[in-house]
Amino acid sequence: MASVKDAARQLIEQLPDQVTWDDIMYEFYVKQKIDAGLADIAAGRTHAHEDVKAELLGHAD
């Protein structure tokens, strides 16, 4: 597995030369959120869509 520093370098290398600091920060933010979501899935920290829908609509048991 690549280190965070290696992943950051790889992400930056994929961006165009005209990239702004805001573009870079956005890409880091999105990558961090995706990685966190994948870690939650791997750890079983998820809820079924139908359960969440029922709770939001007030149909939870």
Protein backbone atom coordinates (compact mmCIF):
# COMPACT_ATOMS: atom_id res chain seq x y z
CA MET A 1 0.00 0.00 0.00
CA ALA A 2 1.29 3.45 -0.90
CA SER A 3 1.92 5.98 1.84
CA VAL A 4 -0.26 9.06 2.06
CA LYS A 5 2.67 11.12 0.79
CA ASP A 6 3.05 8.83 -2.25
CA ALA A 7 -0.70 8.97 -2.92
CA ALA A 8 -0.58 12.80 -2.74
CA ARG A 9 2.26 12.90 -5.24
CA GLN A 10 0.44 10.56 -7.59
CA LEU A 11 -2.75 12.63 -7.36
CA ILE A 12 -0.88 15.86 -8.10
CA GLU A 13 0.94 14.30 -11.06
CA GLN A 14 -2.43 13.43 -12.63
CA LEU A 15 -3.63 17.04 -12.52
CA PRO A 16 -3.03 19.48 -15.39
CA ASP A 17 -0.15 21.96 -15.20
CA GLN A 18 -2.61 24.88 -14.86
CA VAL A 19 -4.04 23.53 -11.60
CA THR A 20 -4.80 25.97 -8.77
CA TRP A 21 -4.28 25.51 -5.05
CA ASP A 22 -8.06 25.27 -4.69
CA ASP A 23 -8.15 22.48 -7.28
CA ILE A 24 -5.47 20.55 -5.40
CA MET A 25 -7.20 21.00 -2.04
CA TYR A 26 -10.51 19.87 -3.54
CA GLU A 27 -8.92 16.73 -4.99
CA PHE A 28 -7.31 15.92 -1.63
CA TYR A 29 -10.64 16.45 0.13
CA VAL A 30 -12.52 14.17 -2.26
CA LYS A 31 -9.83 11.48 -2.05
CA GLN A 32 -9.90 11.60 1.75
CA LYS A 33 -13.70 11.27 1.86
CA ILE A 34 -13.72 8.36 -0.60
CA ASP A 35 -11.01 6.56 1.35
CA ALA A 36 -12.93 7.10 4.60
CA GLY A 37 -16.10 5.72 3.02
CA LEU A 38 -14.29 2.65 1.72
CA ALA A 39 -12.81 2.08 5.19
CA ASP A 40 -16.31 2.29 6.70
CA ILE A 41 -17.56 -0.30 4.23
CA ALA A 42 -14.65 -2.62 4.99
CA ALA A 43 -15.29 -2.27 8.74
CA GLY A 44 -19.03 -2.89 8.38
CA ARG A 45 -20.01 0.61 9.46
CA THR A 46 -22.85 0.94 6.97
CA HIS A 47 -26.64 0.94 6.98
CA ALA A 48 -28.96 -0.57 4.41
CA HIS A 49 -30.62 1.95 2.11
CA GLU A 50 -34.10 0.72 2.98
CA ASP A 51 -33.43 1.07 6.74
CA VAL A 52 -32.26 4.67 6.35
CA LYS A 53 -35.18 5.49 4.06
CA ALA A 54 -37.68 4.03 6.53
CA GLU A 55 -36.15 5.96 9.41
CA LEU A 56 -36.18 9.25 7.50
CA LEU A 57 -39.78 8.74 6.45
CA GLY A 58 -40.84 7.89 9.99
CA HIS A 59 -41.55 4.22 9.29
CA ALA A 60 -38.83 2.82 11.56
CA ASP A 61 -39.84 0.06 13.91
